[in-house]
Amino acid sequence: MGTIYKSCYSFSETENVIQFAGDMNFERTSFAMHLLNSGKVLIAGGTTYNNILVLSMEIYDPTTKTFTIGAKLNIGRVYFASAKLNNGNVLFLEGIGEQGQITKSIEVFNPMTNTVVLNTIIVEKLILYGFSFYGNGRLKRFVNCCYGIFQQL
């Protein structure tokens, strides 16, 4: 594995420029990023150069250009799926956890309370390749898209 950095950069669409945004508190790769309703950016999950899973989330404030350590995931994960929900919470699904096992958990981060709730409702251990939401808020999970297998949650 190559070098993993703490450095972050932002892209200004109006100025068409990439600029240094600051250093995260933890080096990480294979993480998720989501723009929160507050305008801040959530960074979660991932692994370090030594394959140590990063549990702590970080929240980047673009106005102050600072990273703050946030809540911790209950389960470290890489190669996972995540999405910001309509209510502003962020959902984390499955992925690869400790010792390379496939996780079968869902965690939900609430940015208003800076808390993470763990749910273990997925029965089978499958690597998640993608998902989308139906109009009614139900989740459609696509597993191994090569074979077109999917399950509704």
N, C-alpha and C. Protein backbone atom coordinates (compact mmCIF):
# COMPACT_ATOMS: atom_id res chain seq x y z
N MET A 1 0.85 -1.17 0.00
CA MET A 1 0.00 0.00 0.00
C MET A 1 0.90 1.23 0.00
N GLY A 2 0.49 2.26 -0.70
CA GLY A 2 1.25 3.49 -0.77
C GLY A 2 1.07 4.36 0.46
N THR A 3 1.51 5.58 0.37
CA THR A 3 1.41 6.52 1.48
C THR A 3 -0.02 7.01 1.62
N ILE A 4 -0.47 7.10 2.87
CA ILE A 4 -1.79 7.63 3.17
C ILE A 4 -1.59 8.94 3.92
N TYR A 5 -2.29 9.98 3.51
CA TYR A 5 -2.08 11.30 4.07
C TYR A 5 -3.26 11.76 4.92
N LYS A 6 -3.00 12.79 5.73
CA LYS A 6 -4.04 13.47 6.49
C LYS A 6 -4.56 14.67 5.70
N SER A 7 -3.81 15.09 4.70
CA SER A 7 -4.12 16.30 3.95
C SER A 7 -5.43 16.19 3.18
N CYS A 8 -6.18 17.28 3.17
CA CYS A 8 -7.43 17.35 2.41
C CYS A 8 -7.41 18.58 1.52
N TYR A 9 -8.09 18.46 0.41
CA TYR A 9 -8.18 19.55 -0.55
C TYR A 9 -9.64 19.75 -0.93
N SER A 10 -9.97 20.98 -1.26
CA SER A 10 -11.34 21.28 -1.69
C SER A 10 -11.30 21.87 -3.09
N PHE A 11 -12.40 21.70 -3.79
CA PHE A 11 -12.51 22.21 -5.15
C PHE A 11 -13.55 23.32 -5.16
N SER A 12 -13.17 24.48 -5.67
CA SER A 12 -14.08 25.60 -5.83
C SER A 12 -14.62 25.57 -7.25
N GLU A 13 -15.91 25.26 -7.35
CA GLU A 13 -16.54 25.18 -8.67
C GLU A 13 -16.59 26.55 -9.33
N THR A 14 -16.81 27.60 -8.54
CA THR A 14 -16.92 28.94 -9.11
C THR A 14 -15.57 29.46 -9.60
N GLU A 15 -14.49 29.11 -8.87
CA GLU A 15 -13.16 29.58 -9.25
C GLU A 15 -12.39 28.54 -10.07
N ASN A 16 -12.95 27.31 -10.17
CA ASN A 16 -12.30 26.22 -10.90
C ASN A 16 -10.88 25.98 -10.38
N VAL A 17 -10.77 25.89 -9.04
CA VAL A 17 -9.47 25.78 -8.39
C VAL A 17 -9.52 24.72 -7.29
N ILE A 18 -8.45 23.95 -7.15
CA ILE A 18 -8.29 23.02 -6.03
C ILE A 18 -7.34 23.68 -5.04
N GLN A 19 -7.75 23.71 -3.76
CA GLN A 19 -6.90 24.34 -2.75
C GLN A 19 -6.83 23.49 -1.49
N PHE A 20 -5.75 23.66 -0.74
CA PHE A 20 -5.53 22.93 0.50
C PHE A 20 -6.61 23.33 1.51
N ALA A 21 -7.26 22.33 2.10
CA ALA A 21 -8.33 22.59 3.06
C ALA A 21 -7.88 22.39 4.50
N GLY A 22 -6.79 21.67 4.71
CA GLY A 22 -6.31 21.41 6.06
C GLY A 22 -5.96 19.94 6.24
N ASP A 23 -5.48 19.63 7.44
CA ASP A 23 -5.13 18.26 7.77
C ASP A 23 -6.17 17.65 8.69
N MET A 24 -6.58 16.42 8.37
CA MET A 24 -7.45 15.67 9.27
C MET A 24 -6.66 15.30 10.52
N ASN A 25 -7.35 14.88 11.56
CA ASN A 25 -6.70 14.42 12.78
C ASN A 25 -6.09 13.04 12.60
N PHE A 26 -6.66 12.24 11.69
CA PHE A 26 -6.20 10.87 11.46
C PHE A 26 -5.93 10.67 9.98
N GLU A 27 -4.81 10.00 9.66
CA GLU A 27 -4.61 9.59 8.27
C GLU A 27 -5.62 8.48 7.99
N ARG A 28 -6.16 8.46 6.80
CA ARG A 28 -7.13 7.41 6.46
C ARG A 28 -7.32 7.33 4.96
N THR A 29 -7.75 6.14 4.53
CA THR A 29 -8.14 5.90 3.15
C THR A 29 -9.37 5.01 3.17
N SER A 30 -10.06 4.90 2.06
CA SER A 30 -11.29 4.08 1.94
C SER A 30 -12.35 4.52 2.94
N PHE A 31 -12.55 5.82 3.05
CA PHE A 31 -13.52 6.40 3.98
C PHE A 31 -14.71 6.97 3.22
N ALA A 32 -15.71 7.41 3.97
CA ALA A 32 -16.89 8.06 3.39
C ALA A 32 -16.88 9.54 3.75
N MET A 33 -17.42 10.37 2.86
CA MET A 33 -17.58 11.80 3.12
C MET A 33 -18.99 12.19 2.73
N HIS A 34 -19.61 13.03 3.58
CA HIS A 34 -20.95 13.52 3.29
C HIS A 34 -21.07 14.97 3.69
N LEU A 35 -21.72 15.76 2.84
CA LEU A 35 -22.03 17.14 3.16
C LEU A 35 -23.26 17.14 4.06
N LEU A 36 -23.10 17.64 5.28
CA LEU A 36 -24.20 17.67 6.24
C LEU A 36 -25.08 18.88 5.98
N ASN A 37 -26.28 18.86 6.53
CA ASN A 37 -27.22 19.98 6.36
C ASN A 37 -26.66 21.28 6.89
N SER A 38 -25.75 21.21 7.85
CA SER A 38 -25.13 22.40 8.45
C SER A 38 -24.11 23.06 7.52
N GLY A 39 -23.75 22.37 6.43
CA GLY A 39 -22.71 22.88 5.54
C GLY A 39 -21.34 22.32 5.87
N LYS A 40 -21.25 21.59 6.99
CA LYS A 40 -20.00 20.94 7.37
C LYS A 40 -19.90 19.60 6.65
N VAL A 41 -18.70 19.02 6.65
CA VAL A 41 -18.45 17.77 5.94
C VAL A 41 -18.11 16.68 6.95
N LEU A 42 -18.82 15.56 6.88
CA LEU A 42 -18.55 14.41 7.75
C LEU A 42 -17.59 13.46 7.04
N ILE A 43 -16.56 13.02 7.76
CA ILE A 43 -15.60 12.03 7.26
C ILE A 43 -15.66 10.86 8.22
N ALA A 44 -15.90 9.65 7.71
CA ALA A 44 -16.09 8.50 8.59
C ALA A 44 -15.50 7.24 8.00
N GLY A 45 -15.06 6.35 8.90
CA GLY A 45 -14.56 5.04 8.50
C GLY A 45 -13.17 5.12 7.89
N GLY A 46 -12.79 4.03 7.27
CA GLY A 46 -11.50 3.97 6.60
C GLY A 46 -10.45 3.25 7.42
N THR A 47 -9.24 3.26 6.87
CA THR A 47 -8.12 2.55 7.49
C THR A 47 -6.86 3.38 7.36
N THR A 48 -5.90 3.13 8.25
CA THR A 48 -4.61 3.80 8.21
C THR A 48 -3.65 3.00 7.34
N TYR A 49 -2.44 3.51 7.21
CA TYR A 49 -1.40 2.83 6.43
C TYR A 49 -1.14 1.43 6.97
N ASN A 50 -1.23 1.24 8.28
CA ASN A 50 -0.96 -0.05 8.92
C ASN A 50 -2.21 -0.92 8.99
N ASN A 51 -3.22 -0.61 8.19
CA ASN A 51 -4.48 -1.36 8.16
C ASN A 51 -5.20 -1.36 9.50
N ILE A 52 -5.08 -0.28 10.25
CA ILE A 52 -5.83 -0.11 11.49
C ILE A 52 -7.10 0.65 11.14
N LEU A 53 -8.25 0.08 11.47
CA LEU A 53 -9.53 0.72 11.15
C LEU A 53 -9.72 1.96 12.03
N VAL A 54 -10.19 3.04 11.42
CA VAL A 54 -10.40 4.30 12.13
C VAL A 54 -11.85 4.37 12.56
N LEU A 55 -12.08 4.41 13.88
CA LEU A 55 -13.44 4.49 14.41
C LEU A 55 -13.93 5.93 14.51
N SER A 56 -13.04 6.86 14.83
CA SER A 56 -13.45 8.25 15.06
C SER A 56 -13.85 8.94 13.77
N MET A 57 -14.98 9.62 13.81
CA MET A 57 -15.40 10.46 12.69
C MET A 57 -14.75 11.83 12.86
N GLU A 58 -14.68 12.55 11.77
CA GLU A 58 -14.20 13.93 11.81
C GLU A 58 -15.21 14.80 11.08
N ILE A 59 -15.35 16.01 11.56
CA ILE A 59 -16.26 16.96 10.93
C ILE A 59 -15.44 18.17 10.51
N TYR A 60 -15.48 18.46 9.21
CA TYR A 60 -14.73 19.58 8.66
C TYR A 60 -15.65 20.78 8.52
N ASP A 61 -15.20 21.91 9.04
CA ASP A 61 -15.93 23.16 8.93
C ASP A 61 -15.24 24.02 7.87
N PRO A 62 -15.85 24.18 6.70
CA PRO A 62 -15.19 24.93 5.62
C PRO A 62 -15.04 26.42 5.92
N THR A 63 -15.83 26.96 6.83
CA THR A 63 -15.69 28.39 7.15
C THR A 63 -14.46 28.65 8.01
N THR A 64 -14.14 27.73 8.93
CA THR A 64 -12.96 27.90 9.79
C THR A 64 -11.78 27.06 9.31
N LYS A 65 -12.03 26.20 8.32
CA LYS A 65 -11.01 25.29 7.79
C LYS A 65 -10.39 24.43 8.89
N THR A 66 -11.25 23.91 9.77
CA THR A 66 -10.78 23.07 10.87
C THR A 66 -11.50 21.73 10.88
N PHE A 67 -10.80 20.73 11.39
CA PHE A 67 -11.35 19.39 11.58
C PHE A 67 -11.57 19.16 13.07
N THR A 68 -12.76 18.70 13.42
CA THR A 68 -13.09 18.38 14.81
C THR A 68 -13.37 16.89 14.89
N ILE A 69 -12.85 16.25 15.94
CA ILE A 69 -13.14 14.83 16.14
C ILE A 69 -14.58 14.69 16.60
N GLY A 70 -15.32 13.80 15.95
CA GLY A 70 -16.73 13.59 16.26
C GLY A 70 -16.95 12.26 16.95
N ALA A 71 -18.15 11.76 16.81
CA ALA A 71 -18.54 10.48 17.42
C ALA A 71 -17.71 9.34 16.82
N LYS A 72 -17.76 8.20 17.50
CA LYS A 72 -17.05 7.01 17.01
C LYS A 72 -18.04 6.00 16.45
N LEU A 73 -17.64 5.38 15.35
CA LEU A 73 -18.39 4.23 14.86
C LEU A 73 -18.24 3.10 15.87
N ASN A 74 -19.24 2.27 15.99
CA ASN A 74 -19.15 1.10 16.86
C ASN A 74 -18.31 0.00 16.23
N ILE A 75 -18.33 -0.06 14.90
CA ILE A 75 -17.61 -1.09 14.16
C ILE A 75 -16.76 -0.40 13.09
N GLY A 76 -15.46 -0.65 13.14
CA GLY A 76 -14.59 -0.13 12.10
C GLY A 76 -14.90 -0.81 10.79
N ARG A 77 -14.81 -0.05 9.69
CA ARG A 77 -15.16 -0.64 8.39
C ARG A 77 -14.48 0.11 7.25
N VAL A 78 -14.18 -0.66 6.20
CA VAL A 78 -13.71 -0.12 4.93
C VAL A 78 -14.55 -0.77 3.84
N TYR A 79 -14.50 -0.22 2.64
CA TYR A 79 -15.27 -0.75 1.51
C TYR A 79 -16.73 -0.93 1.89
N PHE A 80 -17.29 0.10 2.47
CA PHE A 80 -18.68 0.07 2.92
C PHE A 80 -19.49 1.07 2.12
N ALA A 81 -20.79 1.00 2.28
CA ALA A 81 -21.68 1.96 1.62
C ALA A 81 -22.23 2.92 2.66
N SER A 82 -22.54 4.12 2.24
CA SER A 82 -23.12 5.11 3.14
C SER A 82 -23.96 6.09 2.34
N ALA A 83 -24.90 6.73 3.04
CA ALA A 83 -25.76 7.72 2.39
C ALA A 83 -26.31 8.67 3.44
N LYS A 84 -26.49 9.92 3.02
CA LYS A 84 -27.18 10.88 3.88
C LYS A 84 -28.67 10.71 3.66
N LEU A 85 -29.41 10.57 4.75
CA LEU A 85 -30.85 10.37 4.69
C LEU A 85 -31.57 11.71 4.59
N ASN A 86 -32.85 11.67 4.24
CA ASN A 86 -33.65 12.89 4.11
C ASN A 86 -33.68 13.71 5.39
N ASN A 87 -33.61 13.05 6.55
CA ASN A 87 -33.67 13.78 7.83
C ASN A 87 -32.31 14.33 8.25
N GLY A 88 -31.27 14.14 7.43
CA GLY A 88 -29.95 14.67 7.73
C GLY A 88 -29.02 13.67 8.40
N ASN A 89 -29.57 12.56 8.90
CA ASN A 89 -28.73 11.51 9.48
C ASN A 89 -27.94 10.82 8.38
N VAL A 90 -26.86 10.13 8.76
CA VAL A 90 -26.03 9.43 7.80
C VAL A 90 -26.03 7.94 8.13
N LEU A 91 -26.27 7.12 7.12
CA LEU A 91 -26.39 5.68 7.25
C LEU A 91 -25.10 5.02 6.75
N PHE A 92 -24.58 4.06 7.52
CA PHE A 92 -23.40 3.28 7.13
C PHE A 92 -23.80 1.82 7.09
N LEU A 93 -23.51 1.13 5.99
CA LEU A 93 -23.91 -0.26 5.81
C LEU A 93 -22.71 -1.15 5.51
N GLU A 94 -22.69 -2.28 6.17
CA GLU A 94 -21.81 -3.40 5.88
C GLU A 94 -20.36 -2.99 5.69
N GLY A 95 -19.63 -3.64 4.82
CA GLY A 95 -18.22 -3.37 4.58
C GLY A 95 -17.34 -4.47 5.14
N ILE A 96 -16.04 -4.20 5.14
CA ILE A 96 -15.05 -5.13 5.67
C ILE A 96 -14.59 -4.58 7.02
N GLY A 97 -14.61 -5.44 8.04
CA GLY A 97 -14.23 -5.03 9.39
C GLY A 97 -12.92 -5.65 9.84
N GLU A 98 -12.77 -5.83 11.16
CA GLU A 98 -11.56 -6.41 11.75
C GLU A 98 -11.27 -7.78 11.17
N GLN A 99 -9.99 -8.11 11.07
CA GLN A 99 -9.51 -9.38 10.53
C GLN A 99 -10.11 -9.71 9.16
N GLY A 100 -10.57 -8.70 8.43
CA GLY A 100 -11.07 -8.89 7.08
C GLY A 100 -12.44 -9.53 6.97
N GLN A 101 -13.17 -9.62 8.10
CA GLN A 101 -14.50 -10.23 8.02
C GLN A 101 -15.49 -9.22 7.45
N ILE A 102 -16.52 -9.75 6.81
CA ILE A 102 -17.58 -8.92 6.26
C ILE A 102 -18.54 -8.58 7.38
N THR A 103 -18.76 -7.30 7.60
CA THR A 103 -19.67 -6.89 8.66
C THR A 103 -21.10 -7.08 8.19
N LYS A 104 -22.01 -7.23 9.11
CA LYS A 104 -23.43 -7.34 8.76
C LYS A 104 -24.22 -6.38 9.62
N SER A 105 -23.74 -5.15 9.65
CA SER A 105 -24.36 -4.17 10.53
C SER A 105 -24.70 -2.89 9.78
N ILE A 106 -25.60 -2.16 10.39
CA ILE A 106 -25.97 -0.82 9.94
C ILE A 106 -25.76 0.11 11.12
N GLU A 107 -25.14 1.25 10.87
CA GLU A 107 -25.00 2.28 11.89
C GLU A 107 -25.59 3.57 11.34
N VAL A 108 -26.18 4.36 12.23
CA VAL A 108 -26.78 5.63 11.83
C VAL A 108 -26.19 6.73 12.70
N PHE A 109 -25.62 7.75 12.04
CA PHE A 109 -25.04 8.90 12.73
C PHE A 109 -26.04 10.04 12.71
N ASN A 110 -26.28 10.63 13.88
CA ASN A 110 -27.15 11.80 14.01
C ASN A 110 -26.26 13.02 14.25
N PRO A 111 -26.11 13.90 13.27
CA PRO A 111 -25.23 15.06 13.43
C PRO A 111 -25.74 16.08 14.44
N MET A 112 -27.04 16.08 14.71
CA MET A 112 -27.59 17.03 15.69
C MET A 112 -27.15 16.67 17.11
N THR A 113 -27.03 15.37 17.39
CA THR A 113 -26.64 14.92 18.74
C THR A 113 -25.23 14.35 18.78
N ASN A 114 -24.57 14.26 17.62
CA ASN A 114 -23.22 13.69 17.51
C ASN A 114 -23.17 12.29 18.11
N THR A 115 -24.16 11.46 17.77
CA THR A 115 -24.23 10.10 18.29
C THR A 115 -24.38 9.11 17.14
N VAL A 116 -23.96 7.87 17.41
CA VAL A 116 -24.07 6.78 16.45
C VAL A 116 -24.86 5.66 17.09
N VAL A 117 -25.86 5.15 16.37
CA VAL A 117 -26.66 4.02 16.84
C VAL A 117 -26.34 2.82 15.96
N LEU A 118 -26.07 1.68 16.59
CA LEU A 118 -25.74 0.45 15.88
C LEU A 118 -26.96 -0.45 15.79
N ASN A 119 -27.23 -0.94 14.59
CA ASN A 119 -28.29 -1.93 14.36
C ASN A 119 -27.66 -3.11 13.64
N THR A 120 -27.98 -4.33 14.05
CA THR A 120 -27.47 -5.51 13.34
C THR A 120 -28.66 -6.28 12.81
N ILE A 121 -29.23 -5.78 11.72
CA ILE A 121 -30.45 -6.39 11.19
C ILE A 121 -30.23 -7.14 9.88
N ILE A 122 -29.02 -7.12 9.36
CA ILE A 122 -28.75 -7.81 8.11
C ILE A 122 -28.42 -9.26 8.45
N VAL A 123 -29.15 -10.18 7.87
CA VAL A 123 -29.03 -11.59 8.24
C VAL A 123 -27.78 -12.22 7.63
N GLU A 124 -27.59 -12.04 6.33
CA GLU A 124 -26.48 -12.70 5.66
C GLU A 124 -25.31 -11.73 5.53
N LYS A 125 -24.11 -12.29 5.47
CA LYS A 125 -22.91 -11.47 5.30
C LYS A 125 -22.61 -11.36 3.82
N LEU A 126 -22.83 -10.20 3.25
CA LEU A 126 -22.59 -9.98 1.83
C LEU A 126 -21.89 -8.65 1.65
N ILE A 127 -20.98 -8.59 0.72
CA ILE A 127 -20.34 -7.31 0.43
C ILE A 127 -21.32 -6.46 -0.35
N LEU A 128 -21.50 -5.25 0.10
CA LEU A 128 -22.47 -4.34 -0.50
C LEU A 128 -21.80 -3.55 -1.61
N TYR A 129 -22.35 -3.62 -2.80
CA TYR A 129 -21.80 -2.87 -3.92
C TYR A 129 -22.55 -1.58 -4.19
N GLY A 130 -23.78 -1.50 -3.77
CA GLY A 130 -24.53 -0.27 -3.99
C GLY A 130 -25.93 -0.39 -3.46
N PHE A 131 -26.58 0.75 -3.29
CA PHE A 131 -27.96 0.74 -2.84
C PHE A 131 -28.63 2.04 -3.27
N SER A 132 -29.94 2.03 -3.24
CA SER A 132 -30.71 3.23 -3.53
C SER A 132 -31.97 3.19 -2.70
N PHE A 133 -32.68 4.30 -2.66
CA PHE A 133 -33.90 4.38 -1.87
C PHE A 133 -35.11 4.44 -2.78
N TYR A 134 -36.16 3.75 -2.39
CA TYR A 134 -37.45 3.89 -3.05
C TYR A 134 -38.05 5.22 -2.61
N GLY A 135 -39.09 5.68 -3.29
CA GLY A 135 -39.76 6.92 -2.91
C GLY A 135 -40.35 6.87 -1.52
N ASN A 136 -40.72 5.68 -1.04
CA ASN A 136 -41.32 5.56 0.29
C ASN A 136 -40.28 5.46 1.40
N GLY A 137 -39.00 5.63 1.06
CA GLY A 137 -37.95 5.59 2.07
C GLY A 137 -37.36 4.21 2.31
N ARG A 138 -37.95 3.17 1.70
CA ARG A 138 -37.39 1.82 1.85
C ARG A 138 -36.09 1.72 1.07
N LEU A 139 -35.21 0.89 1.55
CA LEU A 139 -33.89 0.74 0.97
C LEU A 139 -33.86 -0.45 0.02
N LYS A 140 -33.32 -0.23 -1.17
CA LYS A 140 -33.07 -1.34 -2.10
C LYS A 140 -31.57 -1.57 -2.09
N ARG A 141 -31.16 -2.77 -1.75
CA ARG A 141 -29.74 -3.09 -1.66
C ARG A 141 -29.36 -3.98 -2.84
N PHE A 142 -28.33 -3.60 -3.56
CA PHE A 142 -27.83 -4.39 -4.68
C PHE A 142 -26.57 -5.12 -4.23
N VAL A 143 -26.60 -6.43 -4.30
CA VAL A 143 -25.45 -7.22 -3.89
C VAL A 143 -24.92 -7.95 -5.12
N ASN A 144 -23.64 -7.83 -5.33
CA ASN A 144 -23.00 -8.48 -6.46
C ASN A 144 -23.77 -8.15 -7.75
N CYS A 145 -23.65 -6.92 -8.16
CA CYS A 145 -24.42 -6.42 -9.30
C CYS A 145 -24.18 -7.22 -10.58
N CYS A 146 -23.09 -7.95 -10.65
CA CYS A 146 -22.83 -8.77 -11.84
C CYS A 146 -23.94 -9.79 -12.06
N TYR A 147 -24.54 -10.25 -10.98
CA TYR A 147 -25.60 -11.24 -11.08
C TYR A 147 -26.98 -10.64 -10.88
N GLY A 148 -27.05 -9.35 -10.59
CA GLY A 148 -28.33 -8.67 -10.46
C GLY A 148 -29.13 -9.09 -9.24
N ILE A 149 -28.47 -9.60 -8.21
CA ILE A 149 -29.17 -10.01 -6.99
C ILE A 149 -29.45 -8.77 -6.16
N PHE A 150 -30.66 -8.65 -5.62
CA PHE A 150 -30.93 -7.54 -4.73
C PHE A 150 -31.91 -7.96 -3.65
N GLN A 151 -31.94 -7.19 -2.59
CA GLN A 151 -32.82 -7.46 -1.46
C GLN A 151 -33.38 -6.13 -0.98
N GLN A 152 -34.62 -6.15 -0.54
CA GLN A 152 -35.23 -4.95 0.03
C GLN A 152 -35.12 -5.02 1.54
N LEU A 153 -34.81 -3.89 2.17
CA LEU A 153 -34.81 -3.79 3.63
C LEU A 153 -35.90 -2.84 4.04
